[in-house]
Full PDB file with SEQRES, HELIX, SHEET, SSBOND, CRYST1, ORIGX, SCALE, CONECT and MASTER records, all heavy atoms in Angstrom:
SEQRES   1 A   38  MET TYR LYS GLU LEU HIS GLU LYS ASP PRO ARG LEU TYR          
SEQRES   2 A   38  THR ALA ASN GLY LEU LEU ASN MET LEU GLY ARG ASN ARG          
SEQRES   3 A   38  GLN VAL LYS TRP GLY PRO GLU ARG TRP GLN ASP TRP              
HELIX    1 AA1 TYR A    2  LYS A    8  1                                   7    
HELIX    2 AA2 PRO A   10  ALA A   15  1                                   6    
HELIX    3 AA3 LEU A   18  ASN A   25  1                                   8    
HELIX    4 AA4 TRP A   35  ASP A   37  5                                   3    
CRYST1    1.000    1.000    1.000  90.00  90.00  90.00 P 1           1          
ORIGX1      1.000000  0.000000  0.000000        0.00000                         
ORIGX2      0.000000  1.000000  0.000000        0.00000                         
ORIGX3      0.000000  0.000000  1.000000        0.00000                         
SCALE1      1.000000  0.000000  0.000000        0.00000                         
SCALE2      0.000000  1.000000  0.000000        0.00000                         
SCALE3      0.000000  0.000000  1.000000        0.00000                         
ATOM      1  N   MET A   1       5.553 -10.078  29.088  1.00  0.00           N  
ATOM      2  CA  MET A   1       4.612 -10.623  28.110  1.00  0.00           C  
ATOM      3  C   MET A   1       5.338 -10.998  26.821  1.00  0.00           C  
ATOM      4  O   MET A   1       5.090 -12.071  26.240  1.00  0.00           O  
ATOM      5  CB  MET A   1       3.510  -9.604  27.809  1.00  0.00           C  
ATOM      6  CG  MET A   1       2.612  -9.281  28.975  1.00  0.00           C  
ATOM      7  SD  MET A   1       1.425  -7.972  28.536  1.00  0.00           S  
ATOM      8  CE  MET A   1       0.850  -7.501  30.172  1.00  0.00           C  
ATOM      9  N   TYR A   2       6.214 -10.116  26.380  1.00  0.00           N  
ATOM     10  CA  TYR A   2       6.979 -10.381  25.159  1.00  0.00           C  
ATOM     11  C   TYR A   2       7.766 -11.686  25.292  1.00  0.00           C  
ATOM     12  O   TYR A   2       7.714 -12.559  24.401  1.00  0.00           O  
ATOM     13  CB  TYR A   2       7.931  -9.220  24.892  1.00  0.00           C  
ATOM     14  CG  TYR A   2       8.776  -9.381  23.642  1.00  0.00           C  
ATOM     15  CD1 TYR A   2       8.402  -8.768  22.452  1.00  0.00           C  
ATOM     16  CD2 TYR A   2       9.944 -10.151  23.648  1.00  0.00           C  
ATOM     17  CE1 TYR A   2       9.163  -8.916  21.301  1.00  0.00           C  
ATOM     18  CE2 TYR A   2      10.707 -10.310  22.514  1.00  0.00           C  
ATOM     19  CZ  TYR A   2      10.313  -9.689  21.339  1.00  0.00           C  
ATOM     20  OH  TYR A   2      11.065  -9.855  20.213  1.00  0.00           O  
ATOM     21  N   LYS A   3       8.475 -11.816  26.393  1.00  0.00           N  
ATOM     22  CA  LYS A   3       9.316 -12.994  26.574  1.00  0.00           C  
ATOM     23  C   LYS A   3       8.481 -14.265  26.683  1.00  0.00           C  
ATOM     24  O   LYS A   3       8.857 -15.318  26.150  1.00  0.00           O  
ATOM     25  CB  LYS A   3      10.198 -12.823  27.810  1.00  0.00           C  
ATOM     26  CG  LYS A   3      11.278 -11.757  27.616  1.00  0.00           C  
ATOM     27  CD  LYS A   3      12.054 -11.483  28.895  1.00  0.00           C  
ATOM     28  CE  LYS A   3      13.139 -10.440  28.668  1.00  0.00           C  
ATOM     29  NZ  LYS A   3      13.834 -10.063  29.921  1.00  0.00           N  
ATOM     30  N   GLU A   4       7.322 -14.173  27.345  1.00  0.00           N  
ATOM     31  CA  GLU A   4       6.470 -15.350  27.489  1.00  0.00           C  
ATOM     32  C   GLU A   4       5.914 -15.803  26.141  1.00  0.00           C  
ATOM     33  O   GLU A   4       5.941 -16.998  25.809  1.00  0.00           O  
ATOM     34  CB  GLU A   4       5.306 -15.045  28.441  1.00  0.00           C  
ATOM     35  CG  GLU A   4       4.351 -16.218  28.634  1.00  0.00           C  
ATOM     36  CD  GLU A   4       3.201 -15.878  29.540  1.00  0.00           C  
ATOM     37  OE1 GLU A   4       3.453 -15.382  30.660  1.00  0.00           O  
ATOM     38  OE2 GLU A   4       2.046 -16.111  29.127  1.00  0.00           O  
ATOM     39  N   LEU A   5       5.421 -14.868  25.342  1.00  0.00           N  
ATOM     40  CA  LEU A   5       4.845 -15.230  24.046  1.00  0.00           C  
ATOM     41  C   LEU A   5       5.928 -15.684  23.072  1.00  0.00           C  
ATOM     42  O   LEU A   5       5.694 -16.590  22.254  1.00  0.00           O  
ATOM     43  CB  LEU A   5       4.063 -14.055  23.467  1.00  0.00           C  
ATOM     44  CG  LEU A   5       2.840 -13.605  24.264  1.00  0.00           C  
ATOM     45  CD1 LEU A   5       2.072 -12.540  23.508  1.00  0.00           C  
ATOM     46  CD2 LEU A   5       1.928 -14.768  24.609  1.00  0.00           C  
ATOM     47  N   HIS A   6       7.091 -15.090  23.155  1.00  0.00           N  
ATOM     48  CA  HIS A   6       8.192 -15.528  22.295  1.00  0.00           C  
ATOM     49  C   HIS A   6       8.595 -16.960  22.622  1.00  0.00           C  
ATOM     50  O   HIS A   6       8.938 -17.742  21.726  1.00  0.00           O  
ATOM     51  CB  HIS A   6       9.383 -14.590  22.464  1.00  0.00           C  
ATOM     52  CG  HIS A   6      10.495 -14.853  21.488  1.00  0.00           C  
ATOM     53  ND1 HIS A   6      11.501 -15.774  21.733  1.00  0.00           N  
ATOM     54  CD2 HIS A   6      10.745 -14.340  20.248  1.00  0.00           C  
ATOM     55  CE1 HIS A   6      12.322 -15.797  20.697  1.00  0.00           C  
ATOM     56  NE2 HIS A   6      11.896 -14.939  19.784  1.00  0.00           N  
ATOM     57  N   GLU A   7       8.533 -17.299  23.884  1.00  0.00           N  
ATOM     58  CA  GLU A   7       8.866 -18.670  24.288  1.00  0.00           C  
ATOM     59  C   GLU A   7       7.768 -19.652  23.884  1.00  0.00           C  
ATOM     60  O   GLU A   7       8.053 -20.780  23.486  1.00  0.00           O  
ATOM     61  CB  GLU A   7       9.076 -18.719  25.806  1.00  0.00           C  
ATOM     62  CG  GLU A   7       9.539 -20.077  26.316  1.00  0.00           C  
ATOM     63  CD  GLU A   7       9.857 -20.067  27.794  1.00  0.00           C  
ATOM     64  OE1 GLU A   7      10.129 -18.981  28.345  1.00  0.00           O  
ATOM     65  OE2 GLU A   7       9.829 -21.150  28.395  1.00  0.00           O  
ATOM     66  N   LYS A   8       6.515 -19.230  23.958  1.00  0.00           N  
ATOM     67  CA  LYS A   8       5.388 -20.110  23.630  1.00  0.00           C  
ATOM     68  C   LYS A   8       5.357 -20.476  22.149  1.00  0.00           C  
ATOM     69  O   LYS A   8       5.244 -21.646  21.793  1.00  0.00           O  
ATOM     70  CB  LYS A   8       4.054 -19.432  23.991  1.00  0.00           C  
ATOM     71  CG  LYS A   8       3.689 -19.476  25.457  1.00  0.00           C  
ATOM     72  CD  LYS A   8       2.302 -18.836  25.651  1.00  0.00           C  
ATOM     73  CE  LYS A   8       1.840 -18.933  27.085  1.00  0.00           C  
ATOM     74  NZ  LYS A   8       0.502 -18.292  27.270  1.00  0.00           N  
ATOM     75  N   ASP A   9       5.406 -19.457  21.275  1.00  0.00           N  
ATOM     76  CA  ASP A   9       5.263 -19.709  19.837  1.00  0.00           C  
ATOM     77  C   ASP A   9       5.743 -18.493  19.058  1.00  0.00           C  
ATOM     78  O   ASP A   9       4.948 -17.646  18.662  1.00  0.00           O  
ATOM     79  CB  ASP A   9       3.806 -20.023  19.491  1.00  0.00           C  
ATOM     80  CG  ASP A   9       3.639 -20.596  18.087  1.00  0.00           C  
ATOM     81  OD1 ASP A   9       4.491 -20.314  17.228  1.00  0.00           O  
ATOM     82  OD2 ASP A   9       2.650 -21.326  17.868  1.00  0.00           O  
ATOM     83  N   PRO A  10       7.052 -18.385  18.847  1.00  0.00           N  
ATOM     84  CA  PRO A  10       7.575 -17.180  18.191  1.00  0.00           C  
ATOM     85  C   PRO A  10       7.027 -16.974  16.779  1.00  0.00           C  
ATOM     86  O   PRO A  10       6.824 -15.826  16.361  1.00  0.00           O  
ATOM     87  CB  PRO A  10       9.087 -17.402  18.183  1.00  0.00           C  
ATOM     88  CG  PRO A  10       9.266 -18.877  18.370  1.00  0.00           C  
ATOM     89  CD  PRO A  10       8.122 -19.330  19.211  1.00  0.00           C  
ATOM     90  N   ARG A  11       6.774 -18.065  16.047  1.00  0.00           N  
ATOM     91  CA  ARG A  11       6.259 -17.908  14.683  1.00  0.00           C  
ATOM     92  C   ARG A  11       4.853 -17.318  14.690  1.00  0.00           C  
ATOM     93  O   ARG A  11       4.565 -16.376  13.942  1.00  0.00           O  
ATOM     94  CB  ARG A  11       6.249 -19.262  13.974  1.00  0.00           C  
ATOM     95  CG  ARG A  11       5.751 -19.198  12.530  1.00  0.00           C  
ATOM     96  CD  ARG A  11       5.836 -20.532  11.838  1.00  0.00           C  
ATOM     97  NE  ARG A  11       7.211 -21.000  11.713  1.00  0.00           N  
ATOM     98  CZ  ARG A  11       7.547 -22.142  11.135  1.00  0.00           C  
ATOM     99  NH1 ARG A  11       6.622 -22.945  10.638  1.00  0.00           N  
ATOM    100  NH2 ARG A  11       8.817 -22.494  11.058  1.00  0.00           N  
ATOM    101  N   LEU A  12       3.966 -17.860  15.525  1.00  0.00           N  
ATOM    102  CA  LEU A  12       2.593 -17.369  15.597  1.00  0.00           C  
ATOM    103  C   LEU A  12       2.546 -15.911  16.020  1.00  0.00           C  
ATOM    104  O   LEU A  12       1.873 -15.081  15.379  1.00  0.00           O  
ATOM    105  CB  LEU A  12       1.782 -18.216  16.585  1.00  0.00           C  
ATOM    106  CG  LEU A  12       0.392 -17.666  16.962  1.00  0.00           C  
ATOM    107  CD1 LEU A  12      -0.517 -17.631  15.740  1.00  0.00           C  
ATOM    108  CD2 LEU A  12      -0.230 -18.488  18.086  1.00  0.00           C  
ATOM    109  N   TYR A  13       3.272 -15.577  17.086  1.00  0.00           N  
ATOM    110  CA  TYR A  13       3.138 -14.236  17.644  1.00  0.00           C  
ATOM    111  C   TYR A  13       3.959 -13.193  16.894  1.00  0.00           C  
ATOM    112  O   TYR A  13       3.745 -11.993  17.072  1.00  0.00           O  
ATOM    113  CB  TYR A  13       3.484 -14.268  19.138  1.00  0.00           C  
ATOM    114  CG  TYR A  13       2.484 -15.097  19.908  1.00  0.00           C  
ATOM    115  CD1 TYR A  13       2.869 -16.251  20.598  1.00  0.00           C  
ATOM    116  CD2 TYR A  13       1.132 -14.764  19.912  1.00  0.00           C  
ATOM    117  CE1 TYR A  13       1.945 -17.022  21.290  1.00  0.00           C  
ATOM    118  CE2 TYR A  13       0.200 -15.532  20.594  1.00  0.00           C  
ATOM    119  CZ  TYR A  13       0.605 -16.655  21.270  1.00  0.00           C  
ATOM    120  OH  TYR A  13      -0.320 -17.420  21.939  1.00  0.00           O  
ATOM    121  N   THR A  14       4.854 -13.661  16.023  1.00  0.00           N  
ATOM    122  CA  THR A  14       5.469 -12.740  15.072  1.00  0.00           C  
ATOM    123  C   THR A  14       4.509 -12.481  13.923  1.00  0.00           C  
ATOM    124  O   THR A  14       4.313 -11.340  13.501  1.00  0.00           O  
ATOM    125  CB  THR A  14       6.797 -13.304  14.537  1.00  0.00           C  
ATOM    126  OG1 THR A  14       7.722 -13.452  15.609  1.00  0.00           O  
ATOM    127  CG2 THR A  14       7.385 -12.374  13.479  1.00  0.00           C  
ATOM    128  N   ALA A  15       3.870 -13.547  13.435  1.00  0.00           N  
ATOM    129  CA  ALA A  15       2.966 -13.427  12.296  1.00  0.00           C  
ATOM    130  C   ALA A  15       1.756 -12.538  12.606  1.00  0.00           C  
ATOM    131  O   ALA A  15       1.310 -11.775  11.745  1.00  0.00           O  
ATOM    132  CB  ALA A  15       2.499 -14.814  11.848  1.00  0.00           C  
ATOM    133  N   ASN A  16       1.219 -12.656  13.816  1.00  0.00           N  
ATOM    134  CA  ASN A  16       0.027 -11.853  14.116  1.00  0.00           C  
ATOM    135  C   ASN A  16       0.355 -10.471  14.689  1.00  0.00           C  
ATOM    136  O   ASN A  16      -0.542  -9.712  15.044  1.00  0.00           O  
ATOM    137  CB  ASN A  16      -0.934 -12.608  15.046  1.00  0.00           C  
ATOM    138  CG  ASN A  16      -0.407 -12.804  16.467  1.00  0.00           C  
ATOM    139  OD1 ASN A  16       0.600 -12.230  16.868  1.00  0.00           O  
ATOM    140  ND2 ASN A  16      -1.106 -13.628  17.220  1.00  0.00           N  
ATOM    141  N   GLY A  17       1.626 -10.146  14.775  1.00  0.00           N  
ATOM    142  CA  GLY A  17       2.039  -8.799  15.144  1.00  0.00           C  
ATOM    143  C   GLY A  17       2.164  -8.524  16.627  1.00  0.00           C  
ATOM    144  O   GLY A  17       2.539  -7.420  17.020  1.00  0.00           O  
ATOM    145  N   LEU A  18       1.903  -9.527  17.468  1.00  0.00           N  
ATOM    146  CA  LEU A  18       1.938  -9.268  18.907  1.00  0.00           C  
ATOM    147  C   LEU A  18       3.346  -8.976  19.409  1.00  0.00           C  
ATOM    148  O   LEU A  18       3.540  -8.104  20.265  1.00  0.00           O  
ATOM    149  CB  LEU A  18       1.352 -10.452  19.680  1.00  0.00           C  
ATOM    150  CG  LEU A  18      -0.173 -10.624  19.651  1.00  0.00           C  
ATOM    151  CD1 LEU A  18      -0.595 -11.673  20.671  1.00  0.00           C  
ATOM    152  CD2 LEU A  18      -0.884  -9.314  19.929  1.00  0.00           C  
ATOM    153  N   LEU A  19       4.335  -9.695  18.915  1.00  0.00           N  
ATOM    154  CA  LEU A  19       5.695  -9.453  19.399  1.00  0.00           C  
ATOM    155  C   LEU A  19       6.179  -8.057  18.987  1.00  0.00           C  
ATOM    156  O   LEU A  19       6.842  -7.368  19.769  1.00  0.00           O  
ATOM    157  CB  LEU A  19       6.647 -10.534  18.888  1.00  0.00           C  
ATOM    158  CG  LEU A  19       6.439 -11.935  19.482  1.00  0.00           C  
ATOM    159  CD1 LEU A  19       7.466 -12.904  18.913  1.00  0.00           C  
ATOM    160  CD2 LEU A  19       6.531 -11.909  21.004  1.00  0.00           C  
ATOM    161  N   ASN A  20       5.827  -7.658  17.777  1.00  0.00           N  
ATOM    162  CA  ASN A  20       6.202  -6.309  17.349  1.00  0.00           C  
ATOM    163  C   ASN A  20       5.510  -5.261  18.212  1.00  0.00           C  
ATOM    164  O   ASN A  20       6.133  -4.265  18.626  1.00  0.00           O  
ATOM    165  CB  ASN A  20       5.824  -6.116  15.880  1.00  0.00           C  
ATOM    166  CG  ASN A  20       6.229  -4.755  15.354  1.00  0.00           C  
ATOM    167  OD1 ASN A  20       7.398  -4.435  15.270  1.00  0.00           O  
ATOM    168  ND2 ASN A  20       5.234  -3.948  15.015  1.00  0.00           N  
ATOM    169  N   MET A  21       4.220  -5.469  18.509  1.00  0.00           N  
ATOM    170  CA  MET A  21       3.475  -4.533  19.336  1.00  0.00           C  
ATOM    171  C   MET A  21       4.056  -4.443  20.747  1.00  0.00           C  
ATOM    172  O   MET A  21       4.266  -3.350  21.282  1.00  0.00           O  
ATOM    173  CB  MET A  21       2.008  -4.964  19.408  1.00  0.00           C  
ATOM    174  CG  MET A  21       1.124  -4.066  20.258  1.00  0.00           C  
ATOM    175  SD  MET A  21      -0.523  -4.782  20.509  1.00  0.00           S  
ATOM    176  CE  MET A  21      -0.118  -6.077  21.710  1.00  0.00           C  
ATOM    177  N   LEU A  22       4.329  -5.592  21.347  1.00  0.00           N  
ATOM    178  CA  LEU A  22       4.878  -5.596  22.710  1.00  0.00           C  
ATOM    179  C   LEU A  22       6.289  -5.023  22.733  1.00  0.00           C  
ATOM    180  O   LEU A  22       6.691  -4.390  23.710  1.00  0.00           O  
ATOM    181  CB  LEU A  22       4.858  -7.019  23.273  1.00  0.00           C  
ATOM    182  CG  LEU A  22       3.466  -7.566  23.596  1.00  0.00           C  
ATOM    183  CD1 LEU A  22       3.520  -9.080  23.813  1.00  0.00           C  
ATOM    184  CD2 LEU A  22       2.885  -6.874  24.825  1.00  0.00           C  
ATOM    185  N   GLY A  23       7.038  -5.259  21.668  1.00  0.00           N  
ATOM    186  CA  GLY A  23       8.363  -4.657  21.572  1.00  0.00           C  
ATOM    187  C   GLY A  23       8.282  -3.140  21.558  1.00  0.00           C  
ATOM    188  O   GLY A  23       9.098  -2.460  22.199  1.00  0.00           O  
ATOM    189  N   ARG A  24       7.307  -2.615  20.829  1.00  0.00           N  
ATOM    190  CA  ARG A  24       7.079  -1.162  20.854  1.00  0.00           C  
ATOM    191  C   ARG A  24       6.668  -0.702  22.242  1.00  0.00           C  
ATOM    192  O   ARG A  24       7.196   0.274  22.771  1.00  0.00           O  
ATOM    193  CB  ARG A  24       5.981  -0.795  19.849  1.00  0.00           C  
ATOM    194  CG  ARG A  24       5.540   0.671  19.913  1.00  0.00           C  
ATOM    195  CD  ARG A  24       4.148   0.855  19.345  1.00  0.00           C  
ATOM    196  NE  ARG A  24       3.130   0.169  20.140  1.00  0.00           N  
ATOM    197  CZ  ARG A  24       1.906  -0.116  19.699  1.00  0.00           C  
ATOM    198  NH1 ARG A  24       1.556   0.214  18.465  1.00  0.00           N  
ATOM    199  NH2 ARG A  24       1.040  -0.741  20.484  1.00  0.00           N  
ATOM    200  N   ASN A  25       5.707  -1.418  22.839  1.00  0.00           N  
ATOM    201  CA  ASN A  25       5.155  -0.985  24.122  1.00  0.00           C  
ATOM    202  C   ASN A  25       6.214  -0.903  25.217  1.00  0.00           C  
ATOM    203  O   ASN A  25       6.201   0.012  26.047  1.00  0.00           O  
ATOM    204  CB  ASN A  25       4.047  -1.943  24.568  1.00  0.00           C  
ATOM    205  CG  ASN A  25       2.818  -1.861  23.687  1.00  0.00           C  
ATOM    206  OD1 ASN A  25       2.717  -1.009  22.812  1.00  0.00           O  
ATOM    207  ND2 ASN A  25       1.867  -2.761  23.910  1.00  0.00           N  
ATOM    208  N   ARG A  26       7.118  -1.874  25.240  1.00  0.00           N  
ATOM    209  CA  ARG A  26       8.110  -1.879  26.314  1.00  0.00           C  
ATOM    210  C   ARG A  26       9.122  -0.756  26.166  1.00  0.00           C  
ATOM    211  O   ARG A  26       9.872  -0.487  27.098  1.00  0.00           O  
ATOM    212  CB  ARG A  26       8.799  -3.249  26.396  1.00  0.00           C  
ATOM    213  CG  ARG A  26       9.604  -3.658  25.188  1.00  0.00           C  
ATOM    214  CD  ARG A  26      10.167  -5.066  25.368  1.00  0.00           C  
ATOM    215  NE  ARG A  26      10.919  -5.502  24.200  1.00  0.00           N  
ATOM    216  CZ  ARG A  26      11.581  -6.651  24.124  1.00  0.00           C  
ATOM    217  NH1 ARG A  26      11.590  -7.472  25.162  1.00  0.00           N  
ATOM    218  NH2 ARG A  26      12.233  -6.985  23.035  1.00  0.00           N  
ATOM    219  N   GLN A  27       9.139  -0.109  24.991  1.00  0.00           N  
ATOM    220  CA  GLN A  27       9.971   1.079  24.812  1.00  0.00           C  
ATOM    221  C   GLN A  27       9.249   2.355  25.256  1.00  0.00           C  
ATOM    222  O   GLN A  27       9.843   3.423  25.326  1.00  0.00           O  
ATOM    223  CB  GLN A  27      10.382   1.221  23.345  1.00  0.00           C  
ATOM    224  CG  GLN A  27      11.179   0.057  22.795  1.00  0.00           C  
ATOM    225  CD  GLN A  27      12.483  -0.169  23.530  1.00  0.00           C  
ATOM    226  OE1 GLN A  27      13.194   0.787  23.825  1.00  0.00           O  
ATOM    227  NE2 GLN A  27      12.796  -1.419  23.832  1.00  0.00           N  
ATOM    228  N   VAL A  28       7.935   2.228  25.529  1.00  0.00           N  
ATOM    229  CA  VAL A  28       7.128   3.394  25.898  1.00  0.00           C  
ATOM    230  C   VAL A  28       6.955   3.492  27.406  1.00  0.00           C  
ATOM    231  O   VAL A  28       7.125   4.560  27.995  1.00  0.00           O  
ATOM    232  CB  VAL A  28       5.751   3.345  25.193  1.00  0.00           C  
ATOM    233  CG1 VAL A  28       4.858   4.498  25.659  1.00  0.00           C  
ATOM    234  CG2 VAL A  28       5.922   3.381  23.681  1.00  0.00           C  
ATOM    235  N   LYS A  29       6.600   2.366  28.052  1.00  0.00           N  
ATOM    236  CA  LYS A  29       6.442   2.359  29.503  1.00  0.00           C  
ATOM    237  C   LYS A  29       6.526   0.930  30.017  1.00  0.00           C  
ATOM    238  O   LYS A  29       6.636  -0.016  29.238  1.00  0.00           O  
ATOM    239  CB  LYS A  29       5.134   3.034  29.934  1.00  0.00           C  
ATOM    240  CG  LYS A  29       3.862   2.330  29.489  1.00  0.00           C  
ATOM    241  CD  LYS A  29       2.645   3.071  30.063  1.00  0.00           C  
ATOM    242  CE  LYS A  29       1.364   2.270  29.864  1.00  0.00           C  
ATOM    243  NZ  LYS A  29       0.200   2.889  30.536  1.00  0.00           N  
ATOM    244  N   TRP A  30       6.449   0.764  31.338  1.00  0.00           N  
ATOM    245  CA  TRP A  30       6.695  -0.543  31.958  1.00  0.00           C  
ATOM    246  C   TRP A  30       5.636  -1.577  31.638  1.00  0.00           C  
ATOM    247  O   TRP A  30       5.946  -2.706  31.263  1.00  0.00           O  
ATOM    248  CB  TRP A  30       6.792  -0.371  33.480  1.00  0.00           C  
ATOM    249  CG  TRP A  30       7.086  -1.659  34.199  1.00  0.00           C  
ATOM    250  CD1 TRP A  30       8.316  -2.217  34.398  1.00  0.00           C  
ATOM    251  CD2 TRP A  30       6.143  -2.553  34.807  1.00  0.00           C  
ATOM    252  NE1 TRP A  30       8.193  -3.411  35.097  1.00  0.00           N  
ATOM    253  CE2 TRP A  30       6.868  -3.632  35.363  1.00  0.00           C  
ATOM    254  CE3 TRP A  30       4.751  -2.535  34.939  1.00  0.00           C  
ATOM    255  CZ2 TRP A  30       6.250  -4.683  36.031  1.00  0.00           C  
ATOM    256  CZ3 TRP A  30       4.126  -3.583  35.603  1.00  0.00           C  
ATOM    257  CH2 TRP A  30       4.881  -4.649  36.136  1.00  0.00           C  
ATOM    258  N   GLY A  31       4.372  -1.213  31.813  1.00  0.00           N  
ATOM    259  CA  GLY A  31       3.323  -2.199  31.613  1.00  0.00           C  
ATOM    260  C   GLY A  31       1.955  -1.561  31.546  1.00  0.00           C  
ATOM    261  O   GLY A  31       1.788  -0.359  31.792  1.00  0.00           O  
ATOM    262  N   PRO A  32       0.917  -2.353  31.231  1.00  0.00           N  
ATOM    263  CA  PRO A  32      -0.433  -1.818  31.099  1.00  0.00           C  
ATOM    264  C   PRO A  32      -1.022  -1.390  32.440  1.00  0.00           C  
ATOM    265  O   PRO A  32      -0.891  -2.086  33.445  1.00  0.00           O  
ATOM    266  CB  PRO A  32      -1.228  -2.986  30.493  1.00  0.00           C  
ATOM    267  CG  PRO A  32      -0.442  -4.207  30.831  1.00  0.00           C  
ATOM    268  CD  PRO A  32       0.990  -3.789  30.885  1.00  0.00           C  
ATOM    269  N   GLU A  33      -1.684  -0.226  32.425  1.00  0.00           N  
ATOM    270  CA  GLU A  33      -2.331   0.328  33.613  1.00  0.00           C  
ATOM    271  C   GLU A  33      -3.845   0.369  33.391  1.00  0.00           C  
ATOM    272  O   GLU A  33      -4.315   0.573  32.275  1.00  0.00           O  
ATOM    273  CB  GLU A  33      -1.835   1.753  33.874  1.00  0.00           C  
ATOM    274  CG  GLU A  33      -0.348   1.872  34.112  1.00  0.00           C  
ATOM    275  CD  GLU A  33       0.080   3.318  34.204  1.00  0.00           C  
ATOM    276  OE1 GLU A  33      -0.161   3.952  35.256  1.00  0.00           O  
ATOM    277  OE2 GLU A  33       0.635   3.831  33.210  1.00  0.00           O  
ATOM    278  N   ARG A  34      -4.591   0.224  34.469  1.00  0.00           N  
ATOM    279  CA  ARG A  34      -6.061   0.215  34.378  1.00  0.00           C  
ATOM    280  C   ARG A  34      -6.611   1.579  34.778  1.00  0.00           C  
ATOM    281  O   ARG A  34      -6.246   2.129  35.824  1.00  0.00           O  
ATOM    282  CB  ARG A  34      -6.642  -0.885  35.276  1.00  0.00           C  
ATOM    283  CG  ARG A  34      -8.137  -1.112  35.100  1.00  0.00           C  
ATOM    284  CD  ARG A  34      -8.562  -2.413  35.772  1.00  0.00           C  
ATOM    285  NE  ARG A  34      -9.971  -2.681  35.534  1.00  0.00           N  
ATOM    286  CZ  ARG A  34     -10.949  -2.472  36.426  1.00  0.00           C  
ATOM    287  NH1 ARG A  34     -10.640  -1.987  37.630  1.00  0.00           N  
ATOM    288  NH2 ARG A  34     -12.199  -2.731  36.129  1.00  0.00           N  
ATOM    289  N   TRP A  35      -7.495   2.120  33.939  1.00  0.00           N  
ATOM    290  CA  TRP A  35      -8.076   3.438  34.188  1.00  0.00           C  
ATOM    291  C   TRP A  35      -8.706   3.527  35.566  1.00  0.00           C  
ATOM    292  O   TRP A  35      -8.513   4.485  36.308  1.00  0.00           O  
ATOM    293  CB  TRP A  35      -9.116   3.768  33.113  1.00  0.00           C  
ATOM    294  CG  TRP A  35      -9.964   4.949  33.463  1.00  0.00           C  
ATOM    295  CD1 TRP A  35     -11.101   4.967  34.231  1.00  0.00           C  
ATOM    296  CD2 TRP A  35      -9.705   6.325  33.112  1.00  0.00           C  
ATOM    297  NE1 TRP A  35     -11.579   6.247  34.368  1.00  0.00           N  
ATOM    298  CE2 TRP A  35     -10.746   7.094  33.690  1.00  0.00           C  
ATOM    299  CE3 TRP A  35      -8.719   6.960  32.361  1.00  0.00           C  
ATOM    300  CZ2 TRP A  35     -10.808   8.474  33.537  1.00  0.00           C  
ATOM    301  CZ3 TRP A  35      -8.790   8.336  32.213  1.00  0.00           C  
ATOM    302  CH2 TRP A  35      -9.816   9.077  32.798  1.00  0.00           C  
ATOM    303  N   GLN A  36      -9.491   2.512  35.917  1.00  0.00           N  
ATOM    304  CA  GLN A  36     -10.244   2.556  37.170  1.00  0.00           C  
ATOM    305  C   GLN A  36      -9.343   2.566  38.404  1.00  0.00           C  
ATOM    306  O   GLN A  36      -9.794   2.931  39.493  1.00  0.00           O  
ATOM    307  CB  GLN A  36     -11.224   1.379  37.240  1.00  0.00           C  
ATOM    308  CG  GLN A  36     -12.361   1.429  36.224  1.00  0.00           C  
ATOM    309  CD  GLN A  36     -11.993   0.814  34.888  1.00  0.00           C  
ATOM    310  OE1 GLN A  36     -10.807   0.645  34.556  1.00  0.00           O  
ATOM    311  NE2 GLN A  36     -12.994   0.441  34.112  1.00  0.00           N  
ATOM    312  N   ASP A  37      -8.084   2.185  38.236  1.00  0.00           N  
ATOM    313  CA  ASP A  37      -7.134   2.185  39.355  1.00  0.00           C  
ATOM    314  C   ASP A  37      -6.326   3.485  39.431  1.00  0.00           C  
ATOM    315  O   ASP A  37      -5.541   3.666  40.366  1.00  0.00           O  
ATOM    316  CB  ASP A  37      -6.160   1.005  39.228  1.00  0.00           C  
ATOM    317  CG  ASP A  37      -6.871  -0.343  39.285  1.00  0.00           C  
ATOM    318  OD1 ASP A  37      -7.924  -0.415  39.955  1.00  0.00           O  
ATOM    319  OD2 ASP A  37      -6.386  -1.300  38.657  1.00  0.00           O  
ATOM    320  N   TRP A  38      -6.516   4.365  38.455  1.00  0.00           N  
ATOM    321  CA  TRP A  38      -5.760   5.620  38.421  1.00  0.00           C  
ATOM    322  C   TRP A  38      -6.229   6.539  39.542  1.00  0.00           C  
ATOM    323  O   TRP A  38      -7.418   6.860  39.644  1.00  0.00           O  
ATOM    324  CB  TRP A  38      -5.945   6.300  37.073  1.00  0.00           C  
ATOM    325  CG  TRP A  38      -5.255   7.626  36.936  1.00  0.00           C  
ATOM    326  CD1 TRP A  38      -4.152   8.052  37.615  1.00  0.00           C  
ATOM    327  CD2 TRP A  38      -5.634   8.701  36.063  1.00  0.00           C  
ATOM    328  NE1 TRP A  38      -3.804   9.318  37.208  1.00  0.00           N  
ATOM    329  CE2 TRP A  38      -4.696   9.747  36.267  1.00  0.00           C  
ATOM    330  CE3 TRP A  38      -6.643   8.869  35.125  1.00  0.00           C  
ATOM    331  CZ2 TRP A  38      -4.769  10.949  35.560  1.00  0.00           C  
ATOM    332  CZ3 TRP A  38      -6.713  10.059  34.429  1.00  0.00           C  
ATOM    333  CH2 TRP A  38      -5.791  11.089  34.637  1.00  0.00           C  
TER     334      TRP A  38                                                      
MASTER        0    0    0    4    0    0    0    6  333    1    0    3          
END                                                                             
């Protein structure tokens, strides 16, 4: 997700905090999991 959004529009997704958020997330675990699938 980080790489895709960075390629799409790095200025927009830096400004709205998404790249920073995804950068944090990828240091925590691989990807988003759904509760109902647990």
